[in-house]
Protein backbone atom coordinates (compact mmCIF):
# COMPACT_ATOMS: atom_id res chain seq x y z
CA MET A 1 74.52 115.88 119.62
CA SER A 2 75.56 119.07 121.43
CA LYS A 3 77.46 121.89 119.78
CA ASP A 4 80.30 121.46 122.32
CA ILE A 5 80.79 117.79 121.39
CA ASN A 6 80.81 118.70 117.70
CA LEU A 7 83.50 121.32 118.40
CA GLY A 8 85.67 118.67 120.03
CA LYS A 9 85.20 116.20 117.19
CA GLU A 10 85.99 118.79 114.54
CA ALA A 11 89.08 120.01 116.42
CA ALA A 12 90.45 116.45 116.54
CA ALA A 13 89.60 115.83 112.89
CA ARG A 14 91.29 119.05 111.74
CA GLU A 15 94.48 118.18 113.61
CA ALA A 16 94.55 114.69 112.08
CA LEU A 17 94.15 116.25 108.66
CA LYS A 18 97.55 117.97 109.09
CA LEU A 19 99.22 114.56 109.05
CA ILE A 20 97.87 113.65 105.62
CA LYS A 21 100.36 114.10 102.79
CA THR A 22 100.30 113.43 99.07
CA ASP A 23 101.16 109.90 97.83
CA MET A 24 99.56 108.29 100.89
CA ILE A 25 97.14 105.40 101.04
CA LEU A 26 94.59 106.22 103.73
CA GLY A 27 92.14 104.13 105.70
CA LEU A 28 88.90 105.92 106.53
CA GLY A 29 87.10 104.99 109.71
CA THR A 30 83.41 104.77 110.48
CA GLY A 31 81.25 106.80 112.86
CA SER A 32 80.32 110.40 113.56
CA THR A 33 83.86 111.72 114.15
CA ALA A 34 85.31 109.82 111.20
CA LYS A 35 82.53 111.25 109.05
CA ILE A 36 83.69 114.78 109.91
CA PHE A 37 87.25 113.83 108.98
CA VAL A 38 86.18 112.43 105.60
CA ASP A 39 84.34 115.66 104.79
CA LEU A 40 87.45 117.70 105.65
CA LEU A 41 89.71 115.31 103.74
CA ALA A 42 87.65 115.77 100.57
CA ASP A 43 88.12 119.56 100.81
CA LYS A 44 91.87 119.13 101.22
CA TYR A 45 92.04 116.58 98.39
CA PHE A 46 90.60 119.00 95.86
CA GLU A 47 92.19 122.20 97.19
CA GLU A 48 95.74 120.77 97.33
CA LYS A 49 95.32 118.33 94.42
CA LEU A 50 96.60 115.47 96.56
CA ASN A 51 97.69 112.21 95.00
CA ILE A 52 96.08 109.81 97.48
CA LYS A 53 94.03 106.66 97.56
CA VAL A 54 91.48 105.88 100.25
CA LEU A 55 89.82 102.72 101.44
CA SER A 56 86.80 102.49 103.68
CA THR A 57 85.95 100.43 106.75
CA SER A 58 82.22 100.20 106.02
CA SER A 59 79.65 100.57 103.28
CA SER A 60 78.49 103.86 104.81
CA THR A 61 81.99 105.38 104.68
CA ALA A 62 82.46 104.08 101.14
CA SER A 63 79.23 105.80 100.10
CA GLN A 64 80.34 109.05 101.70
CA ALA A 65 83.78 108.93 100.05
CA ARG A 66 82.27 108.10 96.67
CA ARG A 67 79.76 110.95 96.95
CA LEU A 68 82.55 113.41 97.81
CA GLY A 69 84.72 112.30 94.89
CA LEU A 70 87.54 110.70 96.85
CA PRO A 71 89.52 108.03 94.94
CA LEU A 72 88.41 104.74 96.50
CA THR A 73 90.50 101.59 96.37
CA SER A 74 90.37 98.24 98.16
CA LEU A 75 92.72 96.58 100.61
CA ASN A 76 93.23 93.67 98.23
CA ASP A 77 94.39 96.08 95.53
CA VAL A 78 96.88 98.07 97.63
CA GLY A 79 98.05 95.57 100.24
CA ARG A 80 99.19 98.26 102.65
CA VAL A 81 97.85 101.38 104.33
CA ASP A 82 100.00 104.30 105.44
CA ILE A 83 97.58 105.80 107.96
CA VAL A 84 94.09 105.01 109.15
CA VAL A 85 92.08 107.76 110.83
CA ASP A 86 89.18 106.51 112.91
CA GLY A 87 87.10 107.38 115.94
CA ALA A 88 86.51 105.34 119.09
CA ASP A 89 83.76 104.80 121.64
CA GLU A 90 86.23 104.74 124.54
CA VAL A 91 89.98 105.27 124.99
CA ASP A 92 91.84 104.27 128.16
CA SER A 93 95.15 105.53 129.57
CA ASN A 94 97.08 102.84 127.64
CA LEU A 95 95.44 103.87 124.34
CA ASN A 96 93.39 100.70 124.24
CA LEU A 97 89.98 101.22 122.65
CA ILE A 98 86.42 100.08 122.49
CA LYS A 99 85.13 100.41 118.95
CA GLY A 100 82.17 99.09 117.03
CA GLY A 101 79.38 101.43 118.06
CA GLY A 102 78.82 102.05 114.36
CA GLY A 103 78.73 98.32 113.62
CA ALA A 104 81.92 98.19 111.54
CA LEU A 105 84.39 96.75 114.03
CA LEU A 106 85.62 93.86 111.86
CA GLN A 107 86.63 95.95 108.85
CA GLU A 108 87.95 98.66 111.18
CA LYS A 109 90.23 96.19 112.94
CA ILE A 110 91.48 94.62 109.70
CA VAL A 111 92.40 98.03 108.29
CA ALA A 112 93.99 99.11 111.60
CA GLU A 113 96.17 96.00 111.67
CA CYS A 114 97.28 96.62 108.05
CA SER A 115 98.18 100.26 108.70
CA GLY A 116 101.55 101.77 109.43
CA LYS A 117 99.88 104.13 111.89
CA MET A 118 96.45 104.34 113.51
CA ILE A 119 95.31 107.84 114.43
CA VAL A 120 92.27 107.97 116.69
CA ILE A 121 90.18 111.14 116.81
CA VAL A 122 87.74 111.64 119.70
CA ASP A 123 86.07 114.28 121.82
CA GLU A 124 87.13 114.46 125.45
CA GLY A 125 84.05 112.55 126.64
CA LYS A 126 85.51 109.34 125.18
CA ILE A 127 88.52 109.31 127.52
CA VAL A 128 88.17 106.89 130.46
CA THR A 129 90.38 105.39 133.15
CA ASN A 130 89.13 101.86 132.49
CA LEU A 131 87.24 100.57 129.47
CA GLY A 132 83.75 99.15 129.83
CA ARG A 133 81.33 101.98 130.48
CA PHE A 134 80.40 101.86 126.79
CA PRO A 135 78.85 98.50 125.81
CA LEU A 136 81.44 96.15 124.30
CA PRO A 137 80.37 94.94 120.83
CA ILE A 138 80.99 91.32 119.89
CA GLU A 139 80.51 90.29 116.26
CA ILE A 140 78.96 86.83 115.95
CA ILE A 141 77.95 84.62 113.02
CA LYS A 142 74.22 83.94 112.63
CA PHE A 143 74.45 80.15 112.84
CA GLY A 144 74.11 79.02 116.46
CA SER A 145 74.14 82.60 117.68
CA GLU A 146 72.18 81.91 120.88
CA PHE A 147 74.55 79.08 121.75
CA THR A 148 77.49 81.44 121.16
CA ARG A 149 75.83 84.03 123.38
CA ARG A 150 75.48 81.48 126.20
CA MET A 151 79.13 80.51 125.84
CA ILE A 152 80.19 84.15 126.07
CA LEU A 153 78.15 84.67 129.25
CA GLU A 154 79.64 81.49 130.73
CA GLU A 155 83.17 82.70 129.98
CA LEU A 156 82.41 86.13 131.46
CA GLY A 157 81.23 84.33 134.60
CA ASN A 158 84.53 82.47 134.73
CA LEU A 159 86.28 85.84 134.54
CA GLY A 160 84.33 87.05 137.59
CA CYS A 161 82.24 89.61 135.75
CA GLY A 162 79.05 88.89 137.71
CA ASP A 163 75.64 89.60 136.23
CA ILE A 164 76.05 90.81 132.64
CA CYS A 165 73.45 92.38 130.39
CA ALA A 166 74.05 91.02 126.87
CA ASN A 167 71.73 92.43 124.21
CA TRP A 168 71.50 91.72 120.50
CA ARG A 169 71.86 95.00 118.63
CA LYS A 170 68.73 96.00 116.76
CA ASN A 171 67.69 98.43 114.10
CA GLY A 172 64.29 99.42 112.75
CA LYS A 173 63.97 96.17 110.79
CA GLY A 174 64.89 93.73 113.54
CA LEU A 175 68.38 92.51 114.44
CA PHE A 176 71.23 94.66 113.18
CA LEU A 177 73.41 93.04 110.52
CA THR A 178 77.01 94.04 109.81
CA ASP A 179 78.28 94.52 106.26
CA GLU A 180 79.39 90.87 106.43
CA GLY A 181 75.93 89.69 107.51
CA HIS A 182 76.82 89.02 111.15
CA TYR A 183 75.02 89.87 114.41
CA ILE A 184 76.40 92.14 117.12
CA LEU A 185 76.02 91.31 120.81
CA ASP A 186 76.50 94.35 123.07
CA LEU A 187 77.91 93.55 126.52
CA ASN A 188 77.21 95.97 129.38
CA LEU A 189 80.19 95.33 131.62
CA ASN A 190 80.66 98.69 133.41
CA GLN A 191 84.39 98.00 133.78
CA ILE A 192 86.94 95.82 131.99
CA LYS A 193 89.86 95.19 134.34
CA ASP A 194 91.99 93.20 131.89
CA PRO A 195 91.14 94.06 128.25
CA ILE A 196 93.76 91.69 126.81
CA LEU A 197 92.49 88.69 128.77
CA MET A 198 88.86 89.47 127.97
CA HIS A 199 89.57 89.83 124.26
CA ASP A 200 91.53 86.58 124.15
CA LYS A 201 88.91 84.56 126.04
CA ILE A 202 85.92 85.83 124.05
CA LYS A 203 87.69 85.66 120.68
CA ALA A 204 88.53 81.98 121.34
CA ILE A 205 84.83 81.03 121.49
CA THR A 206 83.62 79.32 118.32
CA GLY A 207 81.12 81.55 116.54
CA VAL A 208 82.76 84.80 117.64
CA VAL A 209 84.15 86.69 114.68
CA GLU A 210 85.74 89.63 116.49
CA THR A 211 85.52 91.79 119.61
CA GLY A 212 85.38 95.56 119.83
CA LEU A 213 88.53 95.66 121.97
CA PHE A 214 91.37 97.27 120.02
CA ILE A 215 94.52 96.46 121.98
CA ASN A 216 97.90 98.06 121.19
CA LEU A 217 96.71 99.35 117.81
CA ALA A 218 96.40 103.10 118.33
CA ASN A 219 99.62 105.07 117.80
CA LEU A 220 98.21 108.55 118.36
CA VAL A 221 94.99 109.76 119.98
CA ILE A 222 93.87 113.31 119.22
CA ILE A 223 91.37 114.60 121.79
CA GLY A 224 89.23 117.60 120.96
CA ASP A 225 87.60 119.61 123.74
CA ASN A 226 84.50 121.76 123.95
CA THR A 227 86.46 124.93 123.17
CA GLY A 228 87.69 123.59 119.86
CA GLN A 229 91.21 122.91 121.16
CA PHE A 230 92.99 119.55 121.22
CA THR A 231 95.53 117.48 123.13
CA LEU A 232 97.61 114.50 122.01
CA LYS A 233 98.34 111.10 123.51
CA GLY A 234 100.95 108.84 121.97
CA GLN A 235 103.42 109.57 119.18
CA ARG A 236 102.95 111.42 115.90
């Protein structure tokens, strides 16, 4: 990762940190930019003696928060989240997102939907006119996964998407498994003309748990650039 990209990510994370106040319940995202935010949040937590609770969107974020001494809670215990701060793989002009590059899209979406506000922190390279350049992750249960894959490709054909490259995500041990024990199918679409329609059609297929399309969930996007400055999209 280049130094310029890191500057942009840190600039966005530092600006998001200004919105964190005592007595908040915070959702912590997953991924490289969210990781920077969690590190900065831990510093602020101890320096300002904040009264906060945090909940994670993945086992990796939970491990980081625990190691840094942040007070972890669970969604079942709190029932609400004031703010979630998370990254994104792509952001379009309507603040719709592709997420799930880190493999945590299901927990990320649940926490986002339970939050009063979703703040997205990204470097400027994540801003696009239309979603789809980044592969779209689809979370799928193991049972009948190849059948589910074929059904997804058939539906994409009905949507006029043409030839689609659909690859099972892998890691060093074979197929990647989410925290919930599901597979992820990455769709190389190049462009998504109607994110709402695509999400609805794919989500309706039996065996699909969730898609990486986050529609109308982001309230504020903070974009860091390679000089360490930032711009805002949406409302604080």
